[in-house]
Amino acid sequence: MAEYNLTAVRIPVGWWTTRDPEPPKPFVNGSLQIVDNAFNWAEKYNLRVILDLHATNGSTNGWDLSGTRDGTVDWGKTDENINQSVAAIDFLASRYTQRSCLLAIELLNEALAPDISIDSLKKYYQAGYDAVRKYSSEIYVIMSSRLRADQRELLQYIGTFKKSVIDVHYYNSLDGWFSGLSVQRNLDFINNERSRDLSSVTAENGPLVLVGEWSGEFWHSGGEASKEEYQRFAQAELNVFGRATFGWAYWSWKHEINHWSLKWMIANGYISLNKTS
């Protein structure tokens, strides 16, 4: 990552990592040591770390990435699982806020509307923010609006917290609608609609903005494009997302699908990064 001129890494962790070395089944142990290793490597190679509580007890969206196998969305419906998430944030903050490479802690990933209520989310954000601030007044705290809701629904609320960041995720490839568009129309969407989306959450007195997930893949299914077209698409995304006031994070560094792998995209000449990426 350092050789490719990246300056930070967003590390997704599950709530069970905070229960290592004896996490509840079906989760396996060892993940906490991996996070420790990542911090050591980040400090060695001068990278900053965004620590992202990606999967919570109860699941925020019903997808496997949120730590569930049955599709249920139970997070936020009881004080118990909200408090468990706060405890996970407290654990991560107590363990890592004194590490020089830690840039930010992200309280939650992709809470799905309407399953997750605004009231539950606000209650958790306040408690999670307070948990981080017990250990540091300097690191940033990242929050987001609900997925499939107006990305600005919590913009003003998040902006009331000091050193706060709002996280937005922009994908063409996860929506089948884009597969019906030409390559040029996909490019136009980035340069116009996505650009406006980003501008709409960028407020002078609001939180900083992180484009926390995006990908150089733009076909949901069945599309074909040349290398030059993929290069143009990725460059358009970089041009737009590079305006984000807190930066961007690609999903992901290594992936079995080539265009979802930033390492592969750079190594094979699809993406070129400058020294400020």
Protein backbone atom coordinates (compact mmCIF):
# COMPACT_ATOMS: atom_id res chain seq x y z
CA MET A 1 0.00 0.00 0.00
CA ALA A 2 2.76 2.44 0.88
CA GLU A 3 4.62 1.61 -2.34
CA TYR A 4 1.46 2.45 -4.30
CA ASN A 5 1.23 5.88 -2.59
CA LEU A 6 -1.76 5.10 -0.38
CA THR A 7 -1.79 6.99 2.90
CA ALA A 8 -4.46 5.22 4.97
CA VAL A 9 -6.35 1.94 5.29
CA ARG A 10 -9.92 1.32 6.44
CA ILE A 11 -9.98 -1.91 8.46
CA PRO A 12 -13.40 -3.57 8.94
CA VAL A 13 -13.77 -5.58 12.14
CA GLY A 14 -16.59 -7.63 13.61
CA TRP A 15 -17.93 -7.26 17.13
CA TRP A 16 -16.67 -10.75 17.96
CA THR A 17 -13.09 -9.48 17.58
CA THR A 18 -13.56 -7.71 20.89
CA ARG A 19 -14.39 -11.08 22.50
CA ASP A 20 -11.14 -12.73 21.41
CA PRO A 21 -9.71 -15.25 22.27
CA GLU A 22 -13.08 -16.85 23.03
CA PRO A 23 -15.67 -15.35 20.66
CA PRO A 24 -19.14 -16.91 20.60
CA LYS A 25 -19.82 -19.55 17.97
CA PRO A 26 -19.77 -19.67 14.99
CA PHE A 27 -17.00 -17.05 15.04
CA VAL A 28 -13.40 -18.20 15.30
CA ASN A 29 -10.62 -16.75 17.40
CA GLY A 30 -7.46 -15.00 16.22
CA SER A 31 -8.94 -11.87 14.66
CA LEU A 32 -7.71 -9.54 17.40
CA GLN A 33 -4.12 -10.53 16.76
CA ILE A 34 -4.60 -9.75 13.08
CA VAL A 35 -5.83 -6.24 13.94
CA ASP A 36 -2.82 -5.80 16.25
CA ASN A 37 -0.55 -6.88 13.41
CA ALA A 38 -2.21 -4.39 11.06
CA PHE A 39 -1.48 -1.54 13.46
CA ASN A 40 2.16 -2.62 13.68
CA TRP A 41 2.45 -2.71 9.90
CA ALA A 42 0.70 0.64 9.53
CA GLU A 43 3.14 2.29 11.92
CA LYS A 44 6.10 0.66 10.19
CA TYR A 45 5.05 1.90 6.75
CA ASN A 46 3.60 5.27 7.81
CA LEU A 47 -0.04 4.52 7.02
CA ARG A 48 -3.00 5.87 8.99
CA VAL A 49 -5.77 3.54 10.18
CA ILE A 50 -9.54 3.94 10.09
CA LEU A 51 -10.96 1.28 12.40
CA ASP A 52 -14.46 0.37 11.24
CA LEU A 53 -16.95 -1.62 13.35
CA HIS A 54 -18.31 -3.31 10.25
CA ALA A 55 -20.41 -6.07 11.81
CA THR A 56 -22.50 -5.66 14.95
CA ASN A 57 -24.30 -8.07 17.22
CA GLY A 58 -27.79 -8.37 15.70
CA SER A 59 -26.75 -7.23 12.18
CA THR A 60 -27.45 -3.78 10.75
CA ASN A 61 -28.56 -4.91 7.28
CA GLY A 62 -29.08 -8.69 7.15
CA TRP A 63 -26.17 -9.35 4.78
CA ASP A 64 -23.22 -11.62 5.43
CA LEU A 65 -20.85 -8.67 5.65
CA SER A 66 -22.69 -7.61 8.80
CA GLY A 67 -22.05 -10.92 10.54
CA THR A 68 -25.29 -12.81 9.94
CA ARG A 69 -26.27 -15.90 7.94
CA ASP A 70 -30.06 -15.78 8.13
CA GLY A 71 -30.87 -12.31 6.79
CA THR A 72 -32.37 -10.94 9.99
CA VAL A 73 -31.85 -7.31 11.04
CA ASP A 74 -32.12 -7.12 14.82
CA TRP A 75 -29.61 -4.42 15.69
CA GLY A 76 -31.06 -1.41 17.46
CA LYS A 77 -34.31 -3.09 18.46
CA THR A 78 -33.18 -3.55 22.06
CA ASP A 79 -30.96 -1.62 24.42
CA GLU A 80 -28.97 -4.80 24.88
CA ASN A 81 -27.48 -4.99 21.40
CA ILE A 82 -26.95 -1.21 21.25
CA ASN A 83 -25.03 -1.47 24.51
CA GLN A 84 -23.04 -4.41 23.16
CA SER A 85 -21.96 -2.26 20.22
CA VAL A 86 -21.01 0.58 22.54
CA ALA A 87 -18.95 -1.90 24.55
CA ALA A 88 -17.20 -3.01 21.36
CA ILE A 89 -16.34 0.60 20.51
CA ASP A 90 -15.12 1.16 24.07
CA PHE A 91 -12.87 -1.90 23.77
CA LEU A 92 -11.40 -0.76 20.43
CA ALA A 93 -10.90 2.81 21.63
CA SER A 94 -9.22 1.71 24.86
CA ARG A 95 -6.90 -0.62 22.98
CA TYR A 96 -5.90 1.54 20.01
CA THR A 97 -6.35 5.28 20.64
CA GLN A 98 -2.79 5.59 21.89
CA ARG A 99 -1.40 4.10 18.70
CA SER A 100 0.11 6.88 16.61
CA CYS A 101 -1.32 5.59 13.34
CA LEU A 102 -4.99 5.62 14.40
CA LEU A 103 -6.82 8.30 12.45
CA ALA A 104 -10.49 7.51 13.13
CA ILE A 105 -12.99 5.04 14.54
CA GLU A 106 -16.13 4.33 12.52
CA LEU A 107 -19.06 3.52 14.78
CA LEU A 108 -21.22 1.51 12.38
CA ASN A 109 -21.43 0.30 8.79
CA GLU A 110 -24.46 0.48 6.50
CA ALA A 111 -27.43 0.57 8.83
CA LEU A 112 -30.35 -0.33 6.60
CA ALA A 113 -33.52 1.76 6.34
CA PRO A 114 -36.27 1.30 7.32
CA ASP A 115 -35.20 -1.66 9.49
CA ILE A 116 -32.99 0.54 11.66
CA SER A 117 -34.78 3.51 13.20
CA ILE A 118 -33.36 7.02 13.31
CA ASP A 119 -33.89 7.15 17.07
CA SER A 120 -31.89 3.96 17.66
CA LEU A 121 -29.10 5.21 15.45
CA LYS A 122 -28.88 8.59 17.17
CA LYS A 123 -28.93 6.96 20.59
CA TYR A 124 -26.07 4.71 19.60
CA TYR A 125 -24.05 7.43 17.90
CA GLN A 126 -24.14 9.59 21.01
CA ALA A 127 -23.09 6.70 23.26
CA GLY A 128 -20.44 5.46 20.82
CA TYR A 129 -19.01 8.95 20.40
CA ASP A 130 -18.83 9.36 24.17
CA ALA A 131 -17.05 6.00 24.46
CA VAL A 132 -14.36 7.13 22.03
CA ARG A 133 -13.96 10.50 23.74
CA LYS A 134 -13.23 8.76 27.06
CA TYR A 135 -9.86 7.87 25.57
CA SER A 136 -9.10 10.56 22.99
CA SER A 137 -10.22 14.02 22.01
CA GLU A 138 -8.06 13.96 18.89
CA ILE A 139 -9.09 11.06 16.70
CA TYR A 140 -12.01 11.47 14.32
CA VAL A 141 -15.33 9.68 14.82
CA ILE A 142 -17.11 8.51 11.67
CA MET A 143 -20.89 8.09 11.35
CA SER A 144 -23.31 7.78 8.44
CA SER A 145 -26.92 8.11 7.45
CA ARG A 146 -28.91 4.95 6.84
CA LEU A 147 -28.45 2.94 3.68
CA ARG A 148 -31.32 3.37 1.17
CA ALA A 149 -32.33 6.62 2.84
CA ASP A 150 -31.46 10.19 1.98
CA GLN A 151 -27.71 10.41 2.55
CA ARG A 152 -28.27 13.83 4.14
CA GLU A 153 -30.81 12.66 6.75
CA LEU A 154 -28.23 12.79 9.58
CA LEU A 155 -25.86 15.35 8.07
CA GLN A 156 -26.83 18.15 10.44
CA TYR A 157 -26.91 15.81 13.44
CA ILE A 158 -23.45 14.39 12.73
CA GLY A 159 -22.14 17.90 12.29
CA THR A 160 -22.94 18.72 15.92
CA PHE A 161 -20.09 16.46 17.09
CA LYS A 162 -16.51 17.74 17.22
CA LYS A 163 -14.06 16.08 14.80
CA SER A 164 -16.86 14.15 13.14
CA VAL A 165 -16.97 12.60 9.66
CA ILE A 166 -19.90 11.42 7.56
CA ASP A 167 -19.28 8.27 5.50
CA VAL A 168 -20.98 7.73 2.12
CA HIS A 169 -20.70 4.68 -0.13
CA TYR A 170 -20.97 5.00 -3.91
CA TYR A 171 -21.30 1.94 -6.16
CA ASN A 172 -22.62 1.55 -9.69
CA SER A 173 -21.98 -2.18 -9.76
CA LEU A 174 -24.39 -3.07 -6.93
CA ASP A 175 -27.44 -1.74 -8.74
CA GLY A 176 -28.70 -3.61 -11.79
CA TRP A 177 -30.03 -0.35 -13.22
CA PHE A 178 -26.51 0.62 -14.27
CA SER A 179 -26.08 -2.54 -16.34
CA GLY A 180 -28.60 -1.16 -18.80
CA LEU A 181 -26.49 1.93 -19.34
CA SER A 182 -23.71 2.42 -21.85
CA VAL A 183 -20.14 2.94 -20.71
CA GLN A 184 -20.46 6.64 -21.49
CA ARG A 185 -23.69 6.92 -19.50
CA ASN A 186 -21.97 5.32 -16.51
CA LEU A 187 -19.19 7.88 -16.85
CA ASP A 188 -21.70 10.69 -17.13
CA PHE A 189 -23.43 9.47 -13.97
CA ILE A 190 -20.18 9.75 -12.01
CA ASN A 191 -19.36 13.19 -13.39
CA ASN A 192 -22.85 14.56 -12.85
CA GLU A 193 -25.11 12.72 -10.38
CA ARG A 194 -22.34 11.36 -8.12
CA SER A 195 -20.63 14.72 -8.14
CA ARG A 196 -23.86 16.37 -7.02
CA ASP A 197 -24.38 13.68 -4.37
CA LEU A 198 -20.98 14.42 -2.89
CA SER A 199 -21.53 18.17 -3.02
CA SER A 200 -24.85 17.76 -1.19
CA VAL A 201 -23.15 16.35 1.91
CA THR A 202 -20.22 18.76 1.81
CA ALA A 203 -21.15 21.67 4.05
CA GLU A 204 -18.88 24.50 5.14
CA ASN A 205 -19.78 24.07 8.81
CA GLY A 206 -20.70 20.40 8.60
CA PRO A 207 -18.74 17.20 9.20
CA LEU A 208 -15.86 16.15 7.00
CA VAL A 209 -16.82 13.69 4.25
CA LEU A 210 -15.37 10.23 3.61
CA VAL A 211 -16.25 8.23 0.51
CA GLY A 212 -15.73 5.11 2.56
CA GLU A 213 -16.47 2.55 -0.16
CA TRP A 214 -16.35 2.56 -3.95
CA SER A 215 -15.16 0.25 -6.70
CA GLY A 216 -13.77 0.49 -10.21
CA GLU A 217 -16.33 -2.08 -11.39
CA PHE A 218 -19.39 -0.57 -13.05
CA TRP A 219 -21.30 -3.55 -14.42
CA HIS A 220 -23.79 -5.25 -12.14
CA SER A 221 -24.01 -8.22 -14.49
CA GLY A 222 -23.41 -9.10 -18.10
CA GLY A 223 -21.57 -5.98 -19.22
CA GLU A 224 -18.32 -5.84 -21.13
CA ALA A 225 -15.84 -3.00 -21.32
CA SER A 226 -12.31 -2.48 -22.56
CA LYS A 227 -9.34 -1.71 -20.37
CA GLU A 228 -9.38 1.86 -21.64
CA GLU A 229 -13.04 2.21 -20.65
CA TYR A 230 -12.34 0.84 -17.16
CA GLN A 231 -9.45 3.29 -16.88
CA ARG A 232 -11.70 6.20 -17.81
CA PHE A 233 -14.37 5.09 -15.37
CA ALA A 234 -11.92 4.71 -12.47
CA GLN A 235 -10.30 8.05 -13.26
CA ALA A 236 -13.68 9.76 -13.27
CA GLU A 237 -14.39 8.30 -9.83
CA LEU A 238 -10.99 9.42 -8.55
CA ASN A 239 -11.58 12.92 -9.88
CA VAL A 240 -14.95 13.19 -8.12
CA PHE A 241 -14.27 11.25 -4.93
CA GLY A 242 -10.92 13.00 -4.56
CA ARG A 243 -12.92 16.07 -3.55
CA ALA A 244 -14.12 14.33 -0.38
CA THR A 245 -12.79 16.39 2.51
CA PHE A 246 -11.70 13.35 4.55
CA GLY A 247 -10.61 11.25 1.58
CA TRP A 248 -11.76 7.93 0.16
CA ALA A 249 -11.34 4.18 0.70
CA TYR A 250 -11.64 1.57 -2.07
CA TRP A 251 -13.47 -1.70 -1.49
CA SER A 252 -11.23 -3.57 -1.31
CA TRP A 253 -7.45 -3.91 -1.30
CA LYS A 254 -7.48 -7.56 -2.38
CA HIS A 255 -10.50 -9.30 -3.89
CA GLU A 256 -11.16 -12.43 -5.94
CA ILE A 257 -12.87 -10.28 -8.59
CA ASN A 258 -10.19 -8.23 -10.30
CA HIS A 259 -11.97 -4.91 -10.68
CA TRP A 260 -12.92 -4.96 -7.00
CA SER A 261 -9.25 -5.32 -6.03
CA LEU A 262 -7.38 -2.03 -5.76
CA LYS A 263 -4.07 -3.88 -5.68
CA TRP A 264 -4.87 -5.59 -8.99
CA MET A 265 -6.22 -2.40 -10.55
CA ILE A 266 -3.01 -0.50 -9.75
CA ALA A 267 -0.62 -3.32 -10.64
CA ASN A 268 -2.30 -3.83 -14.02
CA GLY A 269 -2.45 -0.18 -14.98
CA TYR A 270 -6.19 0.44 -14.52
CA ILE A 271 -5.70 2.98 -11.73
CA SER A 272 -2.83 5.40 -11.19
CA LEU A 273 -2.42 7.18 -7.88
CA ASN A 274 -0.45 10.29 -7.12
CA LYS A 275 1.37 11.12 -3.91
CA THR A 276 -1.70 12.65 -2.26
CA SER A 277 -4.14 9.73 -2.64
